[in-house]
Amino acid sequence: MEEKPIEALIEKIAKECEEASADKWTITKIVKELSAEDSKSIKIMRKKALEMLKKLDPKAAAIYTSFQRMQVRTSSQLIEGFDRGNIIKSLLRETNVPRGVAEKIGHEVEEKIKDLEIESISTSLIREMVNVKLLEYGHENIRNQYTRLGLPVFEAGKKTEKKPYNNMAIMTEYNLLRIIPSKLGRMHLSSEIFIGELQDFSTKPVAINIIPKAGENPKDTVFNMLEKANKASRFYSWRPNFFGVNATIASNVGKKTAKEAAMLFARASKAIFLNKKAVPAFNTMTLFESESFGKEIERESMVAAANTVLKLGSEDSEPVFENAIAIDTKYKLKLLHKHMPKTVLNCRNTEPALVNGIALEGKGICTFAAINLTLIALGCKRNETAFFEEIGKKAKAVSELDRIKRKELLQKSYVKKQGIKIEELSSAIALDSLLEASKIASGTEKTNEAISFAEKALAELKSHLPEHFVATELKNRQAINRFEAKNKKEFKHYEKKAGEEKIWKSNAICKNYSFAARAENRKELNELIDSNVRIIEFKEKNE
């Protein structure tokens, strides 16, 4: 983006000082000082102007401070400084209003907002104030162009009583205004935390793991499970996950029939799940007989079904699912043909589910939230006590969000009607760049020391969360982008996360939490299984 000339920035600040009631003599002195500055940063120049105002005209300084404190909550779920220029640009872009009228209205709306003496305002409220001004000046036709189409808060709430209401813009605004406490909402808007699927906060759990039930024959089994998944997709934010499809369709059938059913499942899935979301759904096949299946399973049929699905998945340029394999011993991997999955779920000691890439004990995810751990680390460099205190505060905030969300969902009649048992769902808290944040906070560049510090950070986090929470690595692209933009803006920090999964080997982080370790050959894969790492991403070097 092209920088504004320094003269334009100084002129802008001079105008702001004038609007703060500073006299001409004071403004002239400020302009002279700013002209000698090398910086072209409006933030730095405003800080300099405020310092001078405090010395020359304290009353004007107080007004100027209130102007700079004004923040706007945007439709992009961000908090930005107020700028009346955005009102003018918006009017000119969306309507055929003359520039002079747009500038006059922008100035008058700004003055009205300053009179209100509030710290923040939403873009929707600013738009309403602009519309009032348009009507005052007799521009009803322009007001009709500029008005916002939406629902009153009460009507939005009514629409969520019998089924989820899927208007993203309206429900995001509704949840921020009506459901989520303003303090917690501001933490999301300022990218200190991230609330996953904010538009569904009061209407849907995040994810579900489906364990299929065997029908009268394999064909019925396939279509019953796909019908259940398709129905579930309307009541959960993320696409559904399967566990043990290959075992279920192999119940009491021969190898040939199991292969045919597996082929039907793969092809029918592609026909049904066309609208893929950013977070992939996982299809975890099992190579051992889990107690959750109930019926007797033919081992050869179960393995044949798994190999068929993996083969078809490897041939598909746009696979519907992220295929994974659950094992209880490393020797079971020998049952697979050459089509190895990218993800291995280790069930040697426990039987976790793989829900959208997160290993957990529950049947799905109620709440997904993330903590900007790097931001905390940058603000608490070499101060372990402050770092852990901030982790505790953020964990408690996420825990409170989870409590509110569960309470809201339990009040929805359709949740009970659909058989959704909120109490059986886990919740997930994701951390960005755990290793890098640990290095920043501890002040070390030694990997082993950073890993030890990371283990302490995770233990501190867990101590502030209910038992149903699982800690995981952040892979949500929307959250990552928001956090990176925040950290760049606040600290001029650029992420260096790449390759962390190579570091999480056999330490406690991969054993006790949902952090994946990477294996680059069969030997490493077997070693990670033996050391009880939960999730292993397998990618051979020669691929």
Protein backbone atom coordinates (compact mmCIF):
# COMPACT_ATOMS: atom_id res chain seq x y z
CA MET A 1 0.00 0.00 0.00
CA GLU A 2 1.39 3.41 -0.96
CA GLU A 3 2.35 5.61 1.98
CA LYS A 4 0.81 9.04 2.33
CA PRO A 5 3.19 12.03 1.99
CA ILE A 6 4.34 13.36 5.34
CA GLU A 7 2.68 16.71 4.62
CA ALA A 8 -0.71 14.98 4.32
CA LEU A 9 -0.18 13.17 7.63
CA ILE A 10 0.79 16.38 9.42
CA GLU A 11 -2.21 18.17 7.95
CA LYS A 12 -4.45 15.36 9.20
CA ILE A 13 -3.02 15.58 12.73
CA ALA A 14 -3.29 19.39 12.70
CA LYS A 15 -6.97 19.07 11.83
CA GLU A 16 -7.45 16.57 14.66
CA CYS A 17 -5.79 18.99 17.11
CA GLU A 18 -8.06 21.79 15.90
CA GLU A 19 -11.12 19.57 16.48
CA ALA A 20 -9.80 18.87 19.99
CA SER A 21 -10.10 22.64 20.66
CA ALA A 22 -6.37 23.44 20.49
CA ASP A 23 -5.64 27.07 19.54
CA LYS A 24 -3.75 28.11 16.39
CA TRP A 25 -0.52 28.93 18.26
CA THR A 26 -0.43 25.39 19.78
CA ILE A 27 -1.21 23.76 16.45
CA THR A 28 1.55 25.74 14.71
CA LYS A 29 4.12 24.56 17.30
CA ILE A 30 3.00 20.95 16.86
CA VAL A 31 3.18 21.17 13.06
CA LYS A 32 6.70 22.63 13.29
CA GLU A 33 7.88 19.79 15.56
CA LEU A 34 6.27 17.08 13.43
CA SER A 35 7.85 18.51 10.26
CA ALA A 36 11.26 17.79 11.76
CA GLU A 37 10.35 14.14 12.44
CA ASP A 38 11.84 11.40 10.26
CA SER A 39 9.03 8.92 10.89
CA LYS A 40 6.12 8.58 8.48
CA SER A 41 4.13 6.50 10.97
CA ILE A 42 0.84 8.20 11.85
CA LYS A 43 0.85 6.31 15.15
CA ILE A 44 4.25 7.71 16.19
CA MET A 45 3.37 11.21 15.00
CA ARG A 46 0.07 11.19 16.92
CA LYS A 47 1.94 10.09 20.03
CA LYS A 48 4.35 13.03 19.60
CA ALA A 49 1.45 15.45 19.06
CA LEU A 50 -0.29 14.18 22.21
CA GLU A 51 2.90 14.64 24.29
CA MET A 52 3.11 18.28 23.14
CA LEU A 53 -0.61 18.88 23.77
CA LYS A 54 -0.25 17.61 27.34
CA LYS A 55 2.40 20.31 27.94
CA LEU A 56 0.80 23.14 25.98
CA ASP A 57 -2.95 22.51 26.41
CA PRO A 58 -3.96 19.71 28.85
CA LYS A 59 -7.69 20.20 28.15
CA ALA A 60 -7.20 19.74 24.40
CA ALA A 61 -4.94 16.76 25.17
CA ALA A 62 -7.76 15.05 27.10
CA ILE A 63 -10.16 15.54 24.17
CA TYR A 64 -7.51 14.38 21.68
CA THR A 65 -6.90 11.24 23.77
CA SER A 66 -10.62 10.39 23.72
CA PHE A 67 -10.62 10.78 19.92
CA GLN A 68 -7.70 8.37 19.52
CA ARG A 69 -9.24 5.84 21.91
CA MET A 70 -12.35 5.50 19.76
CA GLN A 71 -12.40 2.06 18.15
CA VAL A 72 -14.65 0.47 15.55
CA ARG A 73 -15.78 -3.17 15.49
CA THR A 74 -15.72 -4.13 11.83
CA SER A 75 -17.65 -6.78 9.90
CA SER A 76 -14.34 -8.67 9.58
CA GLN A 77 -14.43 -9.30 13.37
CA LEU A 78 -11.59 -6.86 14.01
CA ILE A 79 -11.15 -3.73 16.10
CA GLU A 80 -9.71 -0.74 14.26
CA GLY A 81 -9.23 2.93 15.02
CA PHE A 82 -12.07 5.23 13.99
CA ASP A 83 -11.53 7.17 10.76
CA ARG A 84 -14.29 9.27 9.22
CA GLY A 85 -12.58 8.81 5.87
CA ASN A 86 -13.99 5.28 5.86
CA ILE A 87 -17.53 6.69 6.06
CA ILE A 88 -16.86 8.93 3.06
CA LYS A 89 -15.28 6.11 1.05
CA SER A 90 -18.16 3.78 1.88
CA LEU A 91 -20.79 6.32 0.80
CA LEU A 92 -19.03 7.07 -2.47
CA ARG A 93 -18.51 3.37 -3.22
CA GLU A 94 -22.05 2.20 -2.46
CA THR A 95 -24.20 5.16 -3.52
CA ASN A 96 -24.31 8.01 -6.04
CA VAL A 97 -24.16 10.71 -3.35
CA PRO A 98 -22.11 13.82 -4.28
CA ARG A 99 -18.66 13.96 -2.65
CA GLY A 100 -19.48 17.22 -0.85
CA VAL A 101 -22.52 15.66 0.83
CA ALA A 102 -20.52 12.54 1.76
CA GLU A 103 -17.79 14.66 3.38
CA LYS A 104 -20.32 16.79 5.26
CA ILE A 105 -22.15 13.73 6.60
CA GLY A 106 -18.87 12.01 7.51
CA HIS A 107 -17.80 15.05 9.52
CA GLU A 108 -21.17 15.40 11.32
CA VAL A 109 -21.35 11.69 12.20
CA GLU A 110 -17.82 11.89 13.59
CA GLU A 111 -18.80 14.86 15.76
CA LYS A 112 -21.86 13.00 17.05
CA ILE A 113 -19.79 9.94 17.92
CA LYS A 114 -17.33 12.12 19.83
CA ASP A 115 -20.21 13.68 21.76
CA LEU A 116 -21.33 10.19 22.86
CA GLU A 117 -17.97 9.66 24.67
CA ILE A 118 -17.90 5.91 24.08
CA GLU A 119 -14.77 3.81 23.55
CA SER A 120 -16.03 1.58 20.74
CA ILE A 121 -18.77 1.42 18.14
CA SER A 122 -19.80 -1.10 15.49
CA THR A 123 -19.82 -0.39 11.76
CA SER A 124 -23.53 -1.26 11.71
CA LEU A 125 -24.30 1.51 14.23
CA ILE A 126 -22.20 4.00 12.24
CA ARG A 127 -24.20 3.05 9.15
CA GLU A 128 -27.45 3.73 11.02
CA MET A 129 -26.18 7.17 12.07
CA VAL A 130 -25.23 7.95 8.45
CA ASN A 131 -28.71 6.89 7.29
CA VAL A 132 -30.33 9.26 9.79
CA LYS A 133 -28.22 12.12 8.39
CA LEU A 134 -29.17 11.19 4.83
CA LEU A 135 -32.85 11.39 5.77
CA GLU A 136 -32.32 14.72 7.54
CA TYR A 137 -30.90 16.15 4.30
CA GLY A 138 -33.75 14.70 2.21
CA HIS A 139 -31.68 11.99 0.47
CA GLU A 140 -34.16 9.15 0.99
CA ASN A 141 -33.21 7.48 -2.30
CA ILE A 142 -29.53 7.43 -1.28
CA ARG A 143 -30.48 6.14 2.17
CA ASN A 144 -32.28 3.25 0.44
CA GLN A 145 -29.03 2.43 -1.37
CA TYR A 146 -26.95 2.62 1.80
CA THR A 147 -29.26 0.93 4.32
CA ARG A 148 -28.31 -2.39 5.82
CA LEU A 149 -30.58 -5.42 5.41
CA GLY A 150 -30.83 -7.43 8.61
CA LEU A 151 -32.91 -8.56 11.58
CA PRO A 152 -33.60 -7.13 15.02
CA VAL A 153 -31.80 -8.98 17.81
CA PHE A 154 -35.11 -10.34 19.12
CA GLU A 155 -36.08 -11.77 15.71
CA ALA A 156 -32.65 -13.37 15.26
CA GLY A 157 -33.04 -15.06 18.63
CA LYS A 158 -36.51 -16.38 17.72
CA LYS A 159 -35.13 -17.91 14.53
CA THR A 160 -32.68 -20.05 16.52
CA GLU A 161 -35.26 -21.68 18.79
CA LYS A 162 -36.41 -24.54 16.53
CA LYS A 163 -33.44 -24.99 14.21
CA PRO A 164 -30.03 -23.41 13.50
CA TYR A 165 -30.21 -20.11 11.63
CA ASN A 166 -27.43 -20.01 9.05
CA ASN A 167 -27.11 -16.33 8.16
CA MET A 168 -23.41 -15.79 8.95
CA ALA A 169 -23.41 -11.98 9.21
CA ILE A 170 -26.56 -11.75 11.32
CA MET A 171 -25.66 -14.61 13.67
CA THR A 172 -22.10 -13.33 14.18
CA GLU A 173 -23.51 -9.95 15.20
CA TYR A 174 -26.21 -11.60 17.34
CA ASN A 175 -23.71 -13.72 19.26
CA LEU A 176 -21.41 -10.75 19.91
CA LEU A 177 -24.28 -8.50 21.01
CA ARG A 178 -26.51 -10.91 22.91
CA ILE A 179 -24.70 -14.09 23.93
CA ILE A 180 -20.97 -13.48 24.44
CA PRO A 181 -19.96 -11.06 27.24
CA SER A 182 -18.38 -7.91 25.79
CA LYS A 183 -15.06 -8.53 27.57
CA LEU A 184 -14.70 -11.95 25.95
CA GLY A 185 -15.93 -10.62 22.61
CA ARG A 186 -13.26 -7.92 22.63
CA MET A 187 -10.58 -10.55 23.26
CA HIS A 188 -11.66 -12.21 20.02
CA LEU A 189 -11.95 -8.94 18.10
CA SER A 190 -8.48 -7.87 19.23
CA SER A 191 -7.06 -11.31 18.24
CA GLU A 192 -5.93 -12.23 21.75
CA ILE A 193 -8.07 -15.35 21.38
CA PHE A 194 -10.07 -16.83 18.52
CA ILE A 195 -13.62 -18.15 18.84
CA GLY A 196 -14.11 -20.82 16.21
CA GLU A 197 -17.26 -20.68 14.07
CA LEU A 198 -18.48 -17.55 15.86
CA GLN A 199 -21.64 -17.42 13.74
CA ASP A 200 -22.72 -20.81 15.20
CA PHE A 201 -21.70 -20.09 18.79
CA SER A 202 -25.23 -20.28 20.24
CA THR A 203 -26.74 -22.71 17.73
CA LYS A 204 -24.36 -25.58 16.88
CA PRO A 205 -21.63 -27.72 18.44
CA VAL A 206 -18.45 -27.61 16.37
CA ALA A 207 -17.87 -31.23 15.30
CA ILE A 208 -19.12 -34.80 15.55
CA ASN A 209 -17.46 -38.21 15.29
CA ILE A 210 -19.79 -40.86 13.87
CA ILE A 211 -19.30 -44.54 14.70
CA PRO A 212 -21.45 -46.30 12.10
CA LYS A 213 -23.91 -49.04 13.00
CA ALA A 214 -24.19 -52.16 10.89
CA GLY A 215 -27.39 -52.58 8.88
CA GLU A 216 -29.02 -55.72 7.54
CA ASN A 217 -26.44 -55.82 4.74
CA PRO A 218 -23.31 -53.82 3.79
CA LYS A 219 -25.22 -51.67 1.28
CA ASP A 220 -27.72 -50.60 3.95
CA THR A 221 -24.82 -49.93 6.32
CA VAL A 222 -23.16 -47.57 3.84
CA PHE A 223 -26.27 -45.57 3.02
CA ASN A 224 -27.42 -45.43 6.65
CA MET A 225 -24.10 -43.95 7.77
CA LEU A 226 -23.99 -41.44 4.91
CA GLU A 227 -27.56 -40.40 5.62
CA LYS A 228 -26.66 -39.89 9.28
CA ALA A 229 -23.58 -37.84 8.34
CA ASN A 230 -25.51 -35.72 5.87
CA LYS A 231 -28.14 -34.99 8.50
CA ALA A 232 -25.50 -34.22 11.15
CA SER A 233 -23.83 -31.70 8.84
CA ARG A 234 -26.83 -29.38 9.35
CA PHE A 235 -26.37 -29.34 13.13
CA TYR A 236 -22.57 -29.09 13.45
CA SER A 237 -20.23 -26.37 12.19
CA TRP A 238 -17.57 -28.67 10.71
CA ARG A 239 -18.01 -31.59 8.37
CA PRO A 240 -18.66 -34.94 10.10
CA ASN A 241 -15.98 -37.51 10.87
CA PHE A 242 -16.22 -41.31 10.67
CA PHE A 243 -14.53 -43.90 12.84
CA GLY A 244 -14.35 -47.58 11.87
CA VAL A 245 -16.29 -47.56 8.60
CA ASN A 246 -14.22 -50.46 7.32
CA ALA A 247 -14.91 -52.54 10.43
CA THR A 248 -18.64 -51.86 10.39
CA ILE A 249 -19.18 -52.82 6.76
CA ALA A 250 -17.06 -55.96 7.35
CA SER A 251 -19.42 -57.31 10.04
CA ASN A 252 -20.25 -60.94 9.19
CA VAL A 253 -19.41 -60.61 5.47
CA GLY A 254 -16.72 -62.02 3.24
CA LYS A 255 -13.69 -60.26 1.81
CA LYS A 256 -15.23 -59.67 -1.64
CA THR A 257 -18.45 -58.17 -0.24
CA ALA A 258 -16.49 -55.93 2.13
CA LYS A 259 -14.39 -54.58 -0.78
CA GLU A 260 -17.53 -53.85 -2.82
CA ALA A 261 -19.13 -52.06 0.14
CA ALA A 262 -15.95 -50.03 0.71
CA MET A 263 -15.95 -48.99 -2.95
CA LEU A 264 -19.61 -47.96 -2.67
CA PHE A 265 -18.82 -45.92 0.45
CA ALA A 266 -15.94 -44.06 -1.22
CA ARG A 267 -17.93 -43.19 -4.34
CA ALA A 268 -21.16 -42.31 -2.55
CA SER A 269 -19.25 -40.05 -0.12
CA LYS A 270 -17.85 -38.05 -2.99
CA ALA A 271 -21.34 -37.56 -4.42
CA ILE A 272 -22.77 -36.37 -1.10
CA PHE A 273 -20.01 -34.22 0.40
CA LEU A 274 -19.34 -31.79 -2.43
CA ASN A 275 -19.27 -28.53 -0.43
CA LYS A 276 -15.96 -28.96 1.39
CA LYS A 277 -14.96 -26.55 4.15
CA ALA A 278 -11.53 -25.30 5.18
CA VAL A 279 -11.22 -27.87 7.99
CA PRO A 280 -11.06 -31.40 6.50
CA ALA A 281 -13.23 -34.23 7.82
CA PHE A 282 -11.42 -37.39 8.84
CA ASN A 283 -12.35 -40.94 7.94
CA THR A 284 -10.46 -43.08 10.45
CA MET A 285 -10.36 -46.78 9.65
CA THR A 286 -9.35 -49.27 12.27
CA LEU A 287 -7.12 -52.33 12.03
CA PHE A 288 -8.25 -53.76 15.36
CA GLU A 289 -11.60 -54.85 16.77
CA SER A 290 -12.85 -52.06 19.00
CA GLU A 291 -15.50 -52.73 21.64
CA SER A 292 -17.59 -49.92 20.14
CA PHE A 293 -18.53 -52.03 17.08
CA GLY A 294 -20.45 -54.71 18.94
CA LYS A 295 -20.69 -57.36 16.21
CA GLU A 296 -18.22 -60.04 15.20
CA ILE A 297 -15.87 -58.75 12.51
CA GLU A 298 -14.01 -60.77 9.92
CA ARG A 299 -10.41 -59.61 10.15
CA GLU A 300 -9.60 -60.22 6.46
CA SER A 301 -12.77 -58.37 5.41
CA MET A 302 -11.95 -55.43 7.67
CA VAL A 303 -8.43 -55.12 6.21
CA ALA A 304 -9.69 -55.52 2.63
CA ALA A 305 -12.21 -52.70 3.13
CA ALA A 306 -9.52 -50.42 4.57
CA ASN A 307 -7.13 -51.09 1.69
CA THR A 308 -9.89 -50.44 -0.86
CA VAL A 309 -10.75 -47.04 0.63
CA LEU A 310 -7.08 -46.06 0.88
CA LYS A 311 -6.41 -47.10 -2.73
CA LEU A 312 -9.36 -45.11 -4.07
CA GLY A 313 -8.36 -42.11 -1.92
CA SER A 314 -4.79 -42.14 -3.28
CA GLU A 315 -6.14 -42.12 -6.85
CA ASP A 316 -8.50 -39.20 -6.25
CA SER A 317 -7.09 -35.75 -7.06
CA GLU A 318 -9.67 -34.15 -4.72
CA PRO A 319 -10.38 -36.65 -1.92
CA VAL A 320 -13.50 -36.09 0.15
CA PHE A 321 -11.96 -37.24 3.43
CA GLU A 322 -8.55 -37.16 5.04
CA ASN A 323 -8.08 -40.90 5.50
CA ALA A 324 -6.38 -42.10 8.68
CA ILE A 325 -5.63 -45.48 10.25
CA ALA A 326 -6.14 -46.40 13.90
CA ILE A 327 -3.89 -49.17 15.24
CA ASP A 328 -3.30 -50.87 18.58
CA THR A 329 0.12 -52.23 17.60
CA LYS A 330 2.71 -51.28 15.01
CA TYR A 331 2.58 -54.78 13.51
CA LYS A 332 -0.94 -54.12 12.20
CA LEU A 333 0.52 -51.69 9.64
CA LYS A 334 1.93 -54.70 7.79
CA LEU A 335 -1.65 -55.54 6.83
CA LEU A 336 -1.84 -52.47 4.61
CA HIS A 337 -0.83 -52.51 0.96
CA LYS A 338 1.36 -49.80 -0.55
CA HIS A 339 -1.23 -47.02 0.02
CA MET A 340 -0.23 -45.74 3.47
CA PRO A 341 -2.40 -42.94 4.93
CA LYS A 342 -0.87 -39.62 5.91
CA THR A 343 -2.16 -39.92 9.47
CA VAL A 344 -1.80 -42.75 12.00
CA LEU A 345 -3.83 -42.71 15.24
CA ASN A 346 -2.09 -44.66 18.00
CA CYS A 347 -4.59 -46.56 20.18
CA ARG A 348 -2.14 -48.72 22.14
CA ASN A 349 -3.27 -47.48 25.56
CA THR A 350 -6.50 -45.59 24.88
CA GLU A 351 -9.01 -45.31 22.04
CA PRO A 352 -9.22 -41.63 21.11
CA ALA A 353 -11.25 -40.43 18.16
CA LEU A 354 -9.77 -38.28 15.43
CA VAL A 355 -12.21 -35.38 15.07
CA ASN A 356 -11.13 -33.01 12.29
CA GLY A 357 -7.53 -33.84 13.07
CA ILE A 358 -7.86 -33.46 16.87
CA ALA A 359 -7.41 -36.58 19.03
CA LEU A 360 -9.91 -36.68 21.89
CA GLU A 361 -11.85 -39.07 24.11
CA GLY A 362 -15.30 -37.55 23.59
CA LYS A 363 -17.78 -38.06 20.75
CA GLY A 364 -17.16 -34.68 19.18
CA ILE A 365 -16.28 -31.05 19.90
CA CYS A 366 -18.62 -28.55 21.51
CA THR A 367 -16.34 -25.48 21.58
CA PHE A 368 -13.24 -24.70 19.55
CA ALA A 369 -11.13 -21.72 20.59
CA ALA A 370 -7.51 -20.67 20.16
CA ILE A 371 -5.07 -18.61 22.21
CA ASN A 372 -2.59 -16.23 20.59
CA LEU A 373 0.29 -17.69 22.57
CA THR A 374 2.90 -15.83 20.52
CA LEU A 375 1.27 -12.51 21.44
CA ILE A 376 1.47 -13.43 25.13
CA ALA A 377 5.11 -14.42 24.75
CA LEU A 378 6.03 -11.19 22.93
CA GLY A 379 4.43 -9.17 25.73
CA CYS A 380 6.11 -11.19 28.51
CA LYS A 381 9.64 -11.80 27.21
CA ARG A 382 11.86 -13.52 29.79
CA ASN A 383 9.13 -13.11 32.43
CA GLU A 384 7.93 -16.63 33.17
CA THR A 385 5.56 -15.58 35.95
CA ALA A 386 3.76 -13.01 33.79
CA PHE A 387 3.64 -15.46 30.87
CA PHE A 388 1.95 -18.18 32.91
CA GLU A 389 -0.43 -15.67 34.50
CA GLU A 390 -1.58 -14.56 31.05
CA ILE A 391 -2.02 -18.18 29.95
CA GLY A 392 -4.22 -18.72 33.00
CA LYS A 393 -6.35 -15.67 32.18
CA LYS A 394 -6.88 -16.74 28.58
CA ALA A 395 -7.66 -20.32 29.62
CA LYS A 396 -10.29 -19.08 32.07
CA ALA A 397 -11.80 -16.88 29.34
CA VAL A 398 -12.07 -19.85 26.96
CA SER A 399 -13.51 -22.00 29.76
CA GLU A 400 -16.18 -19.35 30.39
CA LEU A 401 -17.01 -19.24 26.67
CA ASP A 402 -17.41 -23.02 26.70
CA ARG A 403 -19.73 -22.84 29.72
CA ILE A 404 -21.90 -20.21 28.01
CA LYS A 405 -22.03 -22.14 24.73
CA ARG A 406 -23.04 -25.40 26.42
CA LYS A 407 -25.76 -23.63 28.39
CA GLU A 408 -27.16 -22.05 25.21
CA LEU A 409 -27.16 -25.33 23.29
CA LEU A 410 -28.89 -27.22 26.11
CA GLN A 411 -31.78 -24.75 25.82
CA LYS A 412 -32.32 -25.50 22.12
CA SER A 413 -35.18 -27.94 21.56
CA TYR A 414 -33.71 -29.26 18.31
CA VAL A 415 -30.48 -30.29 20.05
CA LYS A 416 -32.32 -32.80 22.23
CA LYS A 417 -34.57 -33.84 19.34
CA GLN A 418 -31.53 -34.69 17.20
CA GLY A 419 -30.06 -36.80 19.99
CA ILE A 420 -27.09 -34.51 20.47
CA LYS A 421 -25.68 -35.12 23.94
CA ILE A 422 -23.73 -31.99 24.81
CA GLU A 423 -22.31 -33.59 27.96
CA GLU A 424 -20.58 -36.26 25.84
CA LEU A 425 -18.71 -33.72 23.71
CA SER A 426 -15.17 -32.55 24.40
CA SER A 427 -13.92 -29.01 23.74
CA ALA A 428 -10.64 -27.99 22.13
CA ILE A 429 -8.22 -25.18 22.86
CA ALA A 430 -5.60 -24.59 20.16
CA LEU A 431 -2.20 -22.93 20.52
CA ASP A 432 -0.28 -21.16 17.78
CA SER A 433 3.46 -21.78 17.34
CA LEU A 434 4.01 -23.44 20.72
CA LEU A 435 7.74 -23.99 20.27
CA GLU A 436 8.44 -20.49 18.93
CA ALA A 437 6.34 -18.88 21.68
CA SER A 438 8.23 -20.91 24.29
CA LYS A 439 11.56 -19.71 22.90
CA ILE A 440 10.40 -16.08 22.99
CA ALA A 441 8.96 -16.29 26.50
CA SER A 442 11.90 -18.18 28.01
CA GLY A 443 14.60 -16.35 26.07
CA THR A 444 16.28 -19.54 24.86
CA GLU A 445 17.20 -20.75 21.39
CA LYS A 446 17.94 -24.29 22.59
CA THR A 447 15.24 -26.67 21.40
CA ASN A 448 15.38 -29.01 24.42
CA GLU A 449 15.00 -26.11 26.85
CA ALA A 450 12.13 -24.69 24.78
CA ILE A 451 10.36 -28.08 24.77
CA SER A 452 10.64 -28.29 28.56
CA PHE A 453 9.23 -24.79 28.83
CA ALA A 454 6.40 -25.73 26.42
CA GLU A 455 5.51 -28.72 28.61
CA LYS A 456 5.25 -26.41 31.63
CA ALA A 457 3.09 -23.99 29.63
CA LEU A 458 0.69 -26.79 28.61
CA ALA A 459 0.50 -28.05 32.20
CA GLU A 460 -0.34 -24.51 33.36
CA LEU A 461 -3.00 -24.22 30.66
CA LYS A 462 -4.58 -27.56 31.58
CA SER A 463 -4.73 -26.62 35.28
CA HIS A 464 -7.19 -23.81 34.44
CA LEU A 465 -9.45 -25.88 32.19
CA PRO A 466 -12.21 -28.45 32.83
CA GLU A 467 -11.37 -32.12 32.20
CA HIS A 468 -13.29 -32.25 28.93
CA PHE A 469 -10.84 -29.86 27.23
CA VAL A 470 -8.08 -31.11 24.94
CA ALA A 471 -5.09 -28.94 24.02
CA THR A 472 -4.05 -29.07 20.39
CA GLU A 473 -1.92 -27.28 17.81
CA LEU A 474 -3.53 -24.50 15.82
CA LYS A 475 -4.20 -25.40 12.19
CA ASN A 476 -7.26 -23.23 11.58
CA ARG A 477 -6.19 -20.91 8.76
CA GLN A 478 -8.56 -18.08 9.71
CA ALA A 479 -7.20 -17.99 13.27
CA ILE A 480 -3.59 -18.23 12.08
CA ASN A 481 -4.05 -15.30 9.70
CA ARG A 482 -5.68 -13.14 12.38
CA PHE A 483 -2.96 -13.91 14.93
CA GLU A 484 -0.13 -13.29 12.46
CA ALA A 485 -1.63 -9.93 11.44
CA LYS A 486 -2.02 -8.92 15.09
CA ASN A 487 1.53 -9.91 16.04
CA LYS A 488 2.96 -8.18 13.00
CA LYS A 489 1.04 -4.99 13.77
CA GLU A 490 1.79 -4.90 17.50
CA PHE A 491 5.37 -6.21 17.57
CA LYS A 492 6.50 -6.34 13.91
CA HIS A 493 6.79 -10.09 14.47
CA TYR A 494 6.80 -12.66 11.66
CA GLU A 495 5.93 -16.30 12.37
CA LYS A 496 8.60 -19.00 12.19
CA LYS A 497 6.43 -22.03 12.97
CA ALA A 498 7.28 -24.15 9.92
CA GLY A 499 8.62 -27.57 10.82
CA GLU A 500 7.50 -27.76 14.46
CA GLU A 501 5.89 -31.17 13.86
CA LYS A 502 9.42 -32.48 13.20
CA ILE A 503 10.39 -31.47 16.74
CA TRP A 504 7.47 -33.09 18.59
CA LYS A 505 8.88 -36.57 18.77
CA SER A 506 8.60 -38.82 21.81
CA ASN A 507 8.22 -36.09 24.43
CA ALA A 508 5.20 -35.64 26.71
CA ILE A 509 3.61 -33.09 24.40
CA CYS A 510 2.76 -35.72 21.77
CA LYS A 511 1.85 -38.34 24.38
CA ASN A 512 -0.52 -36.27 26.50
CA TYR A 513 -1.89 -33.65 24.11
CA SER A 514 -3.13 -33.52 20.52
CA PHE A 515 0.12 -32.46 18.86
CA ALA A 516 1.22 -34.47 15.83
CA ALA A 517 4.73 -35.80 15.33
CA ARG A 518 6.16 -36.45 11.89
CA ALA A 519 7.76 -39.68 10.75
CA GLU A 520 9.83 -39.63 7.55
CA ASN A 521 10.44 -43.39 7.29
CA ARG A 522 9.08 -46.68 8.64
CA LYS A 523 11.68 -46.88 11.39
CA GLU A 524 10.70 -43.46 12.78
CA LEU A 525 7.03 -44.42 12.49
CA ASN A 526 7.55 -47.58 14.56
CA GLU A 527 9.59 -45.71 17.17
CA LEU A 528 6.85 -43.09 17.60
CA ILE A 529 4.20 -45.80 17.98
CA ASP A 530 6.33 -47.56 20.61
CA SER A 531 6.75 -44.30 22.54
CA ASN A 532 2.93 -43.80 22.64
CA VAL A 533 2.74 -40.68 20.47
CA ARG A 534 -0.96 -40.18 19.74
CA ILE A 535 -0.98 -38.69 16.22
CA ILE A 536 1.72 -39.40 13.66
CA GLU A 537 1.92 -37.66 10.31
CA PHE A 538 3.68 -40.08 7.96
CA LYS A 539 5.47 -38.64 4.96
CA GLU A 540 8.45 -40.47 3.55
CA LYS A 541 11.34 -38.29 2.37
CA ASN A 542 11.36 -39.72 -1.13
CA GLU A 543 7.72 -38.64 -1.76
